[in-house]
Amino acid sequence: MNTQQIEQFLSTEFDGFTVELNLEHERGDIILGRPPFNVIAMSQREILRQVFEAFDAHSGIRVIVLRAQGEHFSSGGDIKGFLEASPEHVSKLAWNVAAPERCTKPVIVANRGYTFGVGFELSLACDFRIASETTRYALPEQNLGQIPGSGGSARLQKMIGITRTKHIVMRAKRISGQQGYDWGFVTECVPDADLESTVDALVDELRRFSPLAQRTAKKLINDNEDASLKVAIEMEGHCYSRLRSSADFKEGVEAFHSKRPAVFRGE
């Protein structure tokens, strides 16, 4: 899709969430909008994936933000929908929820209140998790005789290890935003009143950097998650070498020596 087609798609009225396109600040926002608990319907997940992909393809967007209306991010999925969904639909759940991870651009999620089930899994697929002190994370599927099905336990185990993952998943335990920060899967934990301003500041911080270097860093780090140290270091070296020939790197070096802000163009 070209930019006009993308913007036409993003102007659609979506079920369960809204979209904001702020070209002045080079950001695209996805706002869960089914308060008070922002339950995420089965059908909603595929459309969310399409919106993430549209933001990623939009040339005027540098940073993507996922947030929610009200005092809770999301209490999770529509429980009844699991019983009604076809096996084919269920098989795509993890792919749809992984959309933030596949985006080439940075994705920030703003969590507050209940962040349960698929709400937690979507958050884990983002690059930066900013949590309010009111945040409560949980994967409560054991209460339903089920396990997380969209990458929740797998991503958590990579981030916090097997022992803490078993504590959260097998005991369906709720974890505060502060504990998530202490355990290493939350980027920042801030007072509830500061959540939006902290996200805004992070958006502006990320916009200062080279889009090309940001894309490269995100892909490299994600790809190296399953690589050996030797392979990871070699991949890092190849990416470093390629960036040395970029216009952004030249601009960064010249700006540094001239003691002026760099103007990066992603080239």
C-alpha atoms as a PDB file:
ATOM      1  CA  MET A   1       0.000   0.000   0.000  1.00  0.00           C
ATOM      2  CA  ASN A   2       1.123   3.553  -0.664  1.00  0.00           C
ATOM      3  CA  THR A   3       0.885   6.280   1.983  1.00  0.00           C
ATOM      4  CA  GLN A   4      -2.562   7.419   0.823  1.00  0.00           C
ATOM      5  CA  GLN A   5      -3.936   3.861   0.974  1.00  0.00           C
ATOM      6  CA  ILE A   6      -2.367   3.337   4.413  1.00  0.00           C
ATOM      7  CA  GLU A   7      -3.954   6.508   5.770  1.00  0.00           C
ATOM      8  CA  GLN A   8      -7.291   5.549   4.255  1.00  0.00           C
ATOM      9  CA  PHE A   9      -7.098   2.170   6.006  1.00  0.00           C
ATOM     10  CA  LEU A  10      -6.077   3.793   9.300  1.00  0.00           C
ATOM     11  CA  SER A  11      -9.096   6.120   9.113  1.00  0.00           C
ATOM     12  CA  THR A  12     -11.394   3.082   9.303  1.00  0.00           C
ATOM     13  CA  GLU A  13     -13.613   2.664  12.361  1.00  0.00           C
ATOM     14  CA  PHE A  14     -12.158  -0.357  14.171  1.00  0.00           C
ATOM     15  CA  ASP A  15     -13.917  -2.662  16.603  1.00  0.00           C
ATOM     16  CA  GLY A  16     -12.477  -2.450  20.113  1.00  0.00           C
ATOM     17  CA  PHE A  17      -9.770   0.136  19.492  1.00  0.00           C
ATOM     18  CA  THR A  18      -9.017   3.468  17.851  1.00  0.00           C
ATOM     19  CA  VAL A  19      -6.022   4.778  15.929  1.00  0.00           C
ATOM     20  CA  GLU A  20      -4.289   8.149  16.052  1.00  0.00           C
ATOM     21  CA  LEU A  21      -1.823   9.345  13.422  1.00  0.00           C
ATOM     22  CA  ASN A  22       0.349  12.252  14.611  1.00  0.00           C
ATOM     23  CA  LEU A  23       2.687  13.150  11.761  1.00  0.00           C
ATOM     24  CA  GLU A  24       4.016  16.242  13.555  1.00  0.00           C
ATOM     25  CA  HIS A  25       5.503  13.966  16.206  1.00  0.00           C
ATOM     26  CA  GLU A  26       6.055  11.058  13.783  1.00  0.00           C
ATOM     27  CA  ARG A  27       4.050   8.662  15.927  1.00  0.00           C
ATOM     28  CA  GLY A  28       1.166   6.298  15.467  1.00  0.00           C
ATOM     29  CA  ASP A  29      -1.006   5.281  18.421  1.00  0.00           C
ATOM     30  CA  ILE A  30      -3.224   2.245  18.867  1.00  0.00           C
ATOM     31  CA  ILE A  31      -5.652   2.800  21.762  1.00  0.00           C
ATOM     32  CA  LEU A  32      -7.591  -0.144  23.174  1.00  0.00           C
ATOM     33  CA  GLY A  33     -11.098   1.210  23.619  1.00  0.00           C
ATOM     34  CA  ARG A  34     -13.453  -1.234  25.267  1.00  0.00           C
ATOM     35  CA  PRO A  35     -13.400   0.089  28.866  1.00  0.00           C
ATOM     36  CA  PRO A  36     -13.503  -0.534  31.717  1.00  0.00           C
ATOM     37  CA  PHE A  37     -11.401  -3.670  31.102  1.00  0.00           C
ATOM     38  CA  ASN A  38     -10.575  -3.389  27.384  1.00  0.00           C
ATOM     39  CA  VAL A  39     -11.272  -7.048  26.666  1.00  0.00           C
ATOM     40  CA  ILE A  40      -9.619  -8.055  23.388  1.00  0.00           C
ATOM     41  CA  ALA A  41     -11.957 -10.034  21.129  1.00  0.00           C
ATOM     42  CA  MET A  42     -10.656 -12.875  18.992  1.00  0.00           C
ATOM     43  CA  SER A  43     -11.464 -11.058  15.743  1.00  0.00           C
ATOM     44  CA  GLN A  44      -9.717  -7.921  17.016  1.00  0.00           C
ATOM     45  CA  ARG A  45      -6.285  -9.541  17.072  1.00  0.00           C
ATOM     46  CA  GLU A  46      -5.967  -9.945  13.322  1.00  0.00           C
ATOM     47  CA  ILE A  47      -7.031  -6.334  12.724  1.00  0.00           C
ATOM     48  CA  LEU A  48      -4.531  -5.143  15.347  1.00  0.00           C
ATOM     49  CA  ARG A  49      -1.832  -6.977  13.386  1.00  0.00           C
ATOM     50  CA  GLN A  50      -2.876  -5.207  10.191  1.00  0.00           C
ATOM     51  CA  VAL A  51      -2.730  -1.797  11.907  1.00  0.00           C
ATOM     52  CA  PHE A  52       0.759  -2.482  13.289  1.00  0.00           C
ATOM     53  CA  GLU A  53       1.856  -3.436   9.775  1.00  0.00           C
ATOM     54  CA  ALA A  54       0.272  -0.289   8.305  1.00  0.00           C
ATOM     55  CA  PHE A  55       2.067   1.942  10.820  1.00  0.00           C
ATOM     56  CA  ASP A  56       5.301   0.123  10.062  1.00  0.00           C
ATOM     57  CA  ALA A  57       4.863   0.786   6.340  1.00  0.00           C
ATOM     58  CA  HIS A  58       3.970   4.486   6.778  1.00  0.00           C
ATOM     59  CA  SER A  59       6.970   6.650   5.875  1.00  0.00           C
ATOM     60  CA  GLY A  60       5.914   9.455   8.229  1.00  0.00           C
ATOM     61  CA  ILE A  61       5.833   7.293  11.366  1.00  0.00           C
ATOM     62  CA  ARG A  62       8.977   6.789  13.438  1.00  0.00           C
ATOM     63  CA  VAL A  63       7.550   5.329  16.660  1.00  0.00           C
ATOM     64  CA  ILE A  64       4.459   3.219  17.398  1.00  0.00           C
ATOM     65  CA  VAL A  65       2.638   3.448  20.745  1.00  0.00           C
ATOM     66  CA  LEU A  66       0.144   0.933  22.139  1.00  0.00           C
ATOM     67  CA  ARG A  67      -2.028   2.219  25.002  1.00  0.00           C
ATOM     68  CA  ALA A  68      -5.546   1.998  26.368  1.00  0.00           C
ATOM     69  CA  GLN A  69      -8.484   4.033  27.579  1.00  0.00           C
ATOM     70  CA  GLY A  70      -9.298   4.088  31.271  1.00  0.00           C
ATOM     71  CA  GLU A  71      -7.647   2.655  34.358  1.00  0.00           C
ATOM     72  CA  HIS A  72      -6.864  -0.808  32.944  1.00  0.00           C
ATOM     73  CA  PHE A  73      -4.751  -1.729  29.938  1.00  0.00           C
ATOM     74  CA  SER A  74      -6.585  -5.001  29.318  1.00  0.00           C
ATOM     75  CA  SER A  75      -8.000  -7.804  31.427  1.00  0.00           C
ATOM     76  CA  GLY A  76      -7.242 -10.189  28.555  1.00  0.00           C
ATOM     77  CA  GLY A  77      -9.212 -11.948  25.874  1.00  0.00           C
ATOM     78  CA  ASP A  78     -12.865 -12.746  25.405  1.00  0.00           C
ATOM     79  CA  ILE A  79     -13.081 -16.097  27.210  1.00  0.00           C
ATOM     80  CA  LYS A  80     -16.188 -17.240  25.354  1.00  0.00           C
ATOM     81  CA  GLY A  81     -14.448 -16.500  22.074  1.00  0.00           C
ATOM     82  CA  PHE A  82     -11.891 -19.249  22.724  1.00  0.00           C
ATOM     83  CA  LEU A  83     -14.613 -21.894  22.661  1.00  0.00           C
ATOM     84  CA  GLU A  84     -16.222 -20.485  19.514  1.00  0.00           C
ATOM     85  CA  ALA A  85     -13.047 -19.919  17.476  1.00  0.00           C
ATOM     86  CA  SER A  86     -12.042 -22.380  14.763  1.00  0.00           C
ATOM     87  CA  PRO A  87      -8.744 -24.302  15.073  1.00  0.00           C
ATOM     88  CA  GLU A  88      -7.444 -22.340  12.054  1.00  0.00           C
ATOM     89  CA  HIS A  89      -8.195 -19.033  13.786  1.00  0.00           C
ATOM     90  CA  VAL A  90      -6.592 -20.157  17.034  1.00  0.00           C
ATOM     91  CA  SER A  91      -3.472 -21.273  15.161  1.00  0.00           C
ATOM     92  CA  LYS A  92      -2.888 -17.659  14.037  1.00  0.00           C
ATOM     93  CA  LEU A  93      -3.157 -16.077  17.490  1.00  0.00           C
ATOM     94  CA  ALA A  94       0.558 -16.084  18.288  1.00  0.00           C
ATOM     95  CA  TRP A  95       1.425 -14.671  14.843  1.00  0.00           C
ATOM     96  CA  ASN A  96      -1.010 -11.784  15.264  1.00  0.00           C
ATOM     97  CA  VAL A  97       0.135 -10.996  18.808  1.00  0.00           C
ATOM     98  CA  ALA A  98       3.779 -10.971  17.646  1.00  0.00           C
ATOM     99  CA  ALA A  99       3.104  -8.066  15.265  1.00  0.00           C
ATOM    100  CA  PRO A 100       4.816  -5.437  17.492  1.00  0.00           C
ATOM    101  CA  GLU A 101       7.966  -7.563  17.577  1.00  0.00           C
ATOM    102  CA  ARG A 102       8.021  -7.881  13.775  1.00  0.00           C
ATOM    103  CA  CYS A 103       7.653  -4.121  13.241  1.00  0.00           C
ATOM    104  CA  THR A 104      10.921  -2.597  12.088  1.00  0.00           C
ATOM    105  CA  LYS A 105      10.165   0.545  14.108  1.00  0.00           C
ATOM    106  CA  PRO A 106      10.301   0.924  17.905  1.00  0.00           C
ATOM    107  CA  VAL A 107       7.060  -0.019  19.654  1.00  0.00           C
ATOM    108  CA  ILE A 108       6.229   1.352  23.119  1.00  0.00           C
ATOM    109  CA  VAL A 109       3.404   0.037  25.287  1.00  0.00           C
ATOM    110  CA  ALA A 110       1.901   2.023  28.181  1.00  0.00           C
ATOM    111  CA  ASN A 111       0.579  -0.312  30.890  1.00  0.00           C
ATOM    112  CA  ARG A 112      -1.627   0.557  33.839  1.00  0.00           C
ATOM    113  CA  GLY A 113      -4.079  -1.435  35.936  1.00  0.00           C
ATOM    114  CA  TYR A 114      -4.939  -4.953  34.788  1.00  0.00           C
ATOM    115  CA  THR A 115      -2.554  -6.217  32.114  1.00  0.00           C
ATOM    116  CA  PHE A 116      -3.652  -9.833  31.904  1.00  0.00           C
ATOM    117  CA  GLY A 117      -3.605 -12.650  29.372  1.00  0.00           C
ATOM    118  CA  VAL A 118      -3.328 -11.464  25.793  1.00  0.00           C
ATOM    119  CA  GLY A 119      -2.916  -7.894  27.069  1.00  0.00           C
ATOM    120  CA  PHE A 120       0.269  -9.041  28.804  1.00  0.00           C
ATOM    121  CA  GLU A 121       1.360 -11.073  25.776  1.00  0.00           C
ATOM    122  CA  LEU A 122       0.923  -8.086  23.441  1.00  0.00           C
ATOM    123  CA  SER A 123       2.953  -5.984  25.870  1.00  0.00           C
ATOM    124  CA  LEU A 124       5.743  -8.558  25.967  1.00  0.00           C
ATOM    125  CA  ALA A 125       5.966  -8.397  22.163  1.00  0.00           C
ATOM    126  CA  CYS A 126       6.682  -4.639  22.320  1.00  0.00           C
ATOM    127  CA  ASP A 127      10.159  -3.157  22.627  1.00  0.00           C
ATOM    128  CA  PHE A 128       9.587  -0.874  25.614  1.00  0.00           C
ATOM    129  CA  ARG A 129       7.142  -1.555  28.458  1.00  0.00           C
ATOM    130  CA  ILE A 130       6.367   1.575  30.486  1.00  0.00           C
ATOM    131  CA  ALA A 131       4.331   0.585  33.547  1.00  0.00           C
ATOM    132  CA  SER A 132       2.343   2.663  35.973  1.00  0.00           C
ATOM    133  CA  GLU A 133       2.635   1.743  39.646  1.00  0.00           C
ATOM    134  CA  THR A 134      -0.994   0.577  39.382  1.00  0.00           C
ATOM    135  CA  THR A 135      -0.069  -2.098  36.827  1.00  0.00           C
ATOM    136  CA  ARG A 136      -0.777  -5.722  37.644  1.00  0.00           C
ATOM    137  CA  TYR A 137       0.598  -8.276  35.180  1.00  0.00           C
ATOM    138  CA  ALA A 138      -0.784 -11.815  35.031  1.00  0.00           C
ATOM    139  CA  LEU A 139      -1.104 -14.878  32.828  1.00  0.00           C
ATOM    140  CA  PRO A 140      -4.187 -16.416  34.481  1.00  0.00           C
ATOM    141  CA  GLU A 141      -4.840 -19.200  31.979  1.00  0.00           C
ATOM    142  CA  GLN A 142      -4.265 -21.944  34.576  1.00  0.00           C
ATOM    143  CA  ASN A 143      -7.538 -20.846  36.176  1.00  0.00           C
ATOM    144  CA  LEU A 144      -9.259 -21.951  32.953  1.00  0.00           C
ATOM    145  CA  GLY A 145      -7.389 -25.231  32.603  1.00  0.00           C
ATOM    146  CA  GLN A 146      -5.235 -23.720  29.875  1.00  0.00           C
ATOM    147  CA  ILE A 147      -1.789 -22.211  29.271  1.00  0.00           C
ATOM    148  CA  PRO A 148      -0.759 -18.948  27.542  1.00  0.00           C
ATOM    149  CA  GLY A 149      -1.117 -19.444  23.797  1.00  0.00           C
ATOM    150  CA  SER A 150       0.379 -16.350  22.215  1.00  0.00           C
ATOM    151  CA  GLY A 151       3.971 -16.313  23.387  1.00  0.00           C
ATOM    152  CA  GLY A 152       3.439 -15.278  27.010  1.00  0.00           C
ATOM    153  CA  SER A 153       5.383 -17.988  28.795  1.00  0.00           C
ATOM    154  CA  ALA A 154       8.000 -18.264  26.035  1.00  0.00           C
ATOM    155  CA  ARG A 155       8.864 -14.556  25.999  1.00  0.00           C
ATOM    156  CA  LEU A 156       8.802 -14.290  29.777  1.00  0.00           C
ATOM    157  CA  GLN A 157      11.194 -17.211  30.162  1.00  0.00           C
ATOM    158  CA  LYS A 158      13.676 -15.501  27.831  1.00  0.00           C
ATOM    159  CA  MET A 159      13.410 -12.315  29.880  1.00  0.00           C
ATOM    160  CA  ILE A 160      13.257 -13.488  33.495  1.00  0.00           C
ATOM    161  CA  GLY A 161      14.233 -17.173  33.561  1.00  0.00           C
ATOM    162  CA  ILE A 162      12.519 -20.454  34.252  1.00  0.00           C
ATOM    163  CA  THR A 163      11.901 -20.082  38.001  1.00  0.00           C
ATOM    164  CA  ARG A 164      10.107 -16.747  37.867  1.00  0.00           C
ATOM    165  CA  THR A 165       8.197 -17.770  34.734  1.00  0.00           C
ATOM    166  CA  LYS A 166       6.860 -20.859  36.520  1.00  0.00           C
ATOM    167  CA  HIS A 167       5.854 -18.638  39.438  1.00  0.00           C
ATOM    168  CA  ILE A 168       3.794 -16.398  37.132  1.00  0.00           C
ATOM    169  CA  VAL A 169       2.408 -19.039  34.765  1.00  0.00           C
ATOM    170  CA  MET A 170       1.905 -22.164  36.887  1.00  0.00           C
ATOM    171  CA  ARG A 171       0.542 -20.266  39.904  1.00  0.00           C
ATOM    172  CA  ALA A 172      -1.324 -17.614  37.860  1.00  0.00           C
ATOM    173  CA  LYS A 173       0.321 -14.992  40.048  1.00  0.00           C
ATOM    174  CA  ARG A 174      -0.205 -11.254  39.675  1.00  0.00           C
ATOM    175  CA  ILE A 175       2.978  -9.189  39.468  1.00  0.00           C
ATOM    176  CA  SER A 176       3.100  -5.446  40.102  1.00  0.00           C
ATOM    177  CA  GLY A 177       4.668  -2.983  37.689  1.00  0.00           C
ATOM    178  CA  GLN A 178       7.434  -2.346  40.209  1.00  0.00           C
ATOM    179  CA  GLN A 179       8.146  -6.064  40.557  1.00  0.00           C
ATOM    180  CA  GLY A 180       8.185  -6.365  36.761  1.00  0.00           C
ATOM    181  CA  TYR A 181      10.803  -3.622  36.707  1.00  0.00           C
ATOM    182  CA  ASP A 182      12.829  -5.309  39.454  1.00  0.00           C
ATOM    183  CA  TRP A 183      12.663  -8.616  37.557  1.00  0.00           C
ATOM    184  CA  GLY A 184      13.735  -7.000  34.297  1.00  0.00           C
ATOM    185  CA  PHE A 185      10.767  -7.245  31.928  1.00  0.00           C
ATOM    186  CA  VAL A 186       9.552  -3.660  32.495  1.00  0.00           C
ATOM    187  CA  THR A 187      11.577  -0.782  31.043  1.00  0.00           C
ATOM    188  CA  GLU A 188      10.369   1.889  33.492  1.00  0.00           C
ATOM    189  CA  CYS A 189       7.845   1.959  36.349  1.00  0.00           C
ATOM    190  CA  VAL A 190       6.447   5.415  37.065  1.00  0.00           C
ATOM    191  CA  PRO A 191       3.664   7.040  39.115  1.00  0.00           C
ATOM    192  CA  ASP A 192       0.297   6.693  37.409  1.00  0.00           C
ATOM    193  CA  ALA A 193       0.050  10.428  36.737  1.00  0.00           C
ATOM    194  CA  ASP A 194       3.384  10.338  34.882  1.00  0.00           C
ATOM    195  CA  LEU A 195       2.621   7.446  32.511  1.00  0.00           C
ATOM    196  CA  GLU A 196       1.617   9.510  29.458  1.00  0.00           C
ATOM    197  CA  SER A 197       4.376  12.108  29.848  1.00  0.00           C
ATOM    198  CA  THR A 198       6.985   9.355  30.238  1.00  0.00           C
ATOM    199  CA  VAL A 199       5.784   7.708  27.020  1.00  0.00           C
ATOM    200  CA  ASP A 200       5.776  11.079  25.214  1.00  0.00           C
ATOM    201  CA  ALA A 201       9.351  11.731  26.335  1.00  0.00           C
ATOM    202  CA  LEU A 202      10.474   8.298  25.152  1.00  0.00           C
ATOM    203  CA  VAL A 203       8.860   8.860  21.749  1.00  0.00           C
ATOM    204  CA  ASP A 204      10.766  12.119  21.339  1.00  0.00           C
ATOM    205  CA  GLU A 205      13.987  10.498  22.549  1.00  0.00           C
ATOM    206  CA  LEU A 206      13.740   7.686  19.996  1.00  0.00           C
ATOM    207  CA  ARG A 207      12.939  10.159  17.196  1.00  0.00           C
ATOM    208  CA  ARG A 208      16.351  11.792  17.682  1.00  0.00           C
ATOM    209  CA  PHE A 209      18.206   8.699  16.497  1.00  0.00           C
ATOM    210  CA  SER A 210      18.838   7.425  13.010  1.00  0.00           C
ATOM    211  CA  PRO A 211      15.839   5.423  11.733  1.00  0.00           C
ATOM    212  CA  LEU A 212      18.270   3.126   9.929  1.00  0.00           C
ATOM    213  CA  ALA A 213      20.334   2.503  13.073  1.00  0.00           C
ATOM    214  CA  GLN A 214      17.154   1.936  15.110  1.00  0.00           C
ATOM    215  CA  ARG A 215      15.810  -0.620  12.622  1.00  0.00           C
ATOM    216  CA  THR A 216      19.172  -2.356  12.500  1.00  0.00           C
ATOM    217  CA  ALA A 217      19.513  -2.491  16.292  1.00  0.00           C
ATOM    218  CA  LYS A 218      15.997  -3.889  16.784  1.00  0.00           C
ATOM    219  CA  LYS A 219      16.407  -6.630  14.179  1.00  0.00           C
ATOM    220  CA  LEU A 220      19.897  -7.516  15.399  1.00  0.00           C
ATOM    221  CA  ILE A 221      18.855  -7.808  19.045  1.00  0.00           C
ATOM    222  CA  ASN A 222      15.727  -9.817  18.198  1.00  0.00           C
ATOM    223  CA  ASP A 223      17.618 -12.154  15.847  1.00  0.00           C
ATOM    224  CA  ASN A 224      20.416 -12.656  18.373  1.00  0.00           C
ATOM    225  CA  GLU A 225      18.004 -13.826  21.084  1.00  0.00           C
ATOM    226  CA  ASP A 226      18.497 -17.441  20.035  1.00  0.00           C
ATOM    227  CA  ALA A 227      22.059 -17.138  18.733  1.00  0.00           C
ATOM    228  CA  SER A 228      25.257 -18.272  20.420  1.00  0.00           C
ATOM    229  CA  LEU A 229      27.569 -15.535  21.691  1.00  0.00           C
ATOM    230  CA  LYS A 230      30.025 -16.191  18.851  1.00  0.00           C
ATOM    231  CA  VAL A 231      27.328 -15.899  16.173  1.00  0.00           C
ATOM    232  CA  ALA A 232      25.772 -12.851  17.867  1.00  0.00           C
ATOM    233  CA  ILE A 233      29.083 -11.001  17.915  1.00  0.00           C
ATOM    234  CA  GLU A 234      29.685 -11.844  14.253  1.00  0.00           C
ATOM    235  CA  MET A 235      26.199 -10.617  13.290  1.00  0.00           C
ATOM    236  CA  GLU A 236      26.778  -7.422  15.252  1.00  0.00           C
ATOM    237  CA  GLY A 237      30.029  -6.854  13.366  1.00  0.00           C
ATOM    238  CA  HIS A 238      28.353  -7.278   9.975  1.00  0.00           C
ATOM    239  CA  CYS A 239      25.597  -4.805  10.906  1.00  0.00           C
ATOM    240  CA  TYR A 240      28.159  -2.336  12.244  1.00  0.00           C
ATOM    241  CA  SER A 241      30.130  -2.596   9.033  1.00  0.00           C
ATOM    242  CA  ARG A 242      27.068  -1.937   6.858  1.00  0.00           C
ATOM    243  CA  LEU A 243      26.047   1.111   8.885  1.00  0.00           C
ATOM    244  CA  ARG A 244      29.527   2.629   8.440  1.00  0.00           C
ATOM    245  CA  SER A 245      28.668   3.294   4.787  1.00  0.00           C
ATOM    246  CA  SER A 246      25.319   4.944   5.539  1.00  0.00           C
ATOM    247  CA  ALA A 247      24.577   8.647   5.101  1.00  0.00           C
ATOM    248  CA  ASP A 248      23.207   8.703   8.652  1.00  0.00           C
ATOM    249  CA  PHE A 249      26.537   7.536  10.085  1.00  0.00           C
ATOM    250  CA  LYS A 250      28.385  10.221   8.107  1.00  0.00           C
ATOM    251  CA  GLU A 251      25.912  12.820   9.365  1.00  0.00           C
ATOM    252  CA  GLY A 252      26.301  11.612  12.946  1.00  0.00           C
ATOM    253  CA  VAL A 253      30.091  11.885  12.824  1.00  0.00           C
ATOM    254  CA  GLU A 254      30.013  15.311  11.181  1.00  0.00           C
ATOM    255  CA  ALA A 255      27.422  16.576  13.684  1.00  0.00           C
ATOM    256  CA  PHE A 256      29.519  15.289  16.586  1.00  0.00           C
ATOM    257  CA  HIS A 257      32.630  17.115  15.386  1.00  0.00           C
ATOM    258  CA  SER A 258      30.637  20.264  14.597  1.00  0.00           C
ATOM    259  CA  LYS A 259      28.959  20.142  18.037  1.00  0.00           C
ATOM    260  CA  ARG A 260      25.473  20.382  16.512  1.00  0.00           C
ATOM    261  CA  PRO A 261      22.390  18.125  16.601  1.00  0.00           C
ATOM    262  CA  ALA A 262      22.446  15.455  13.918  1.00  0.00           C
ATOM    263  CA  VAL A 263      19.700  15.426  11.298  1.00  0.00           C
ATOM    264  CA  PHE A 264      19.125  11.793  10.388  1.00  0.00           C
ATOM    265  CA  ARG A 265      17.150  10.748   7.324  1.00  0.00           C
ATOM    266  CA  GLY A 266      17.260   6.972   7.543  1.00  0.00           C
ATOM    267  CA  GLU A 267      19.655   6.597   4.609  1.00  0.00           C
END
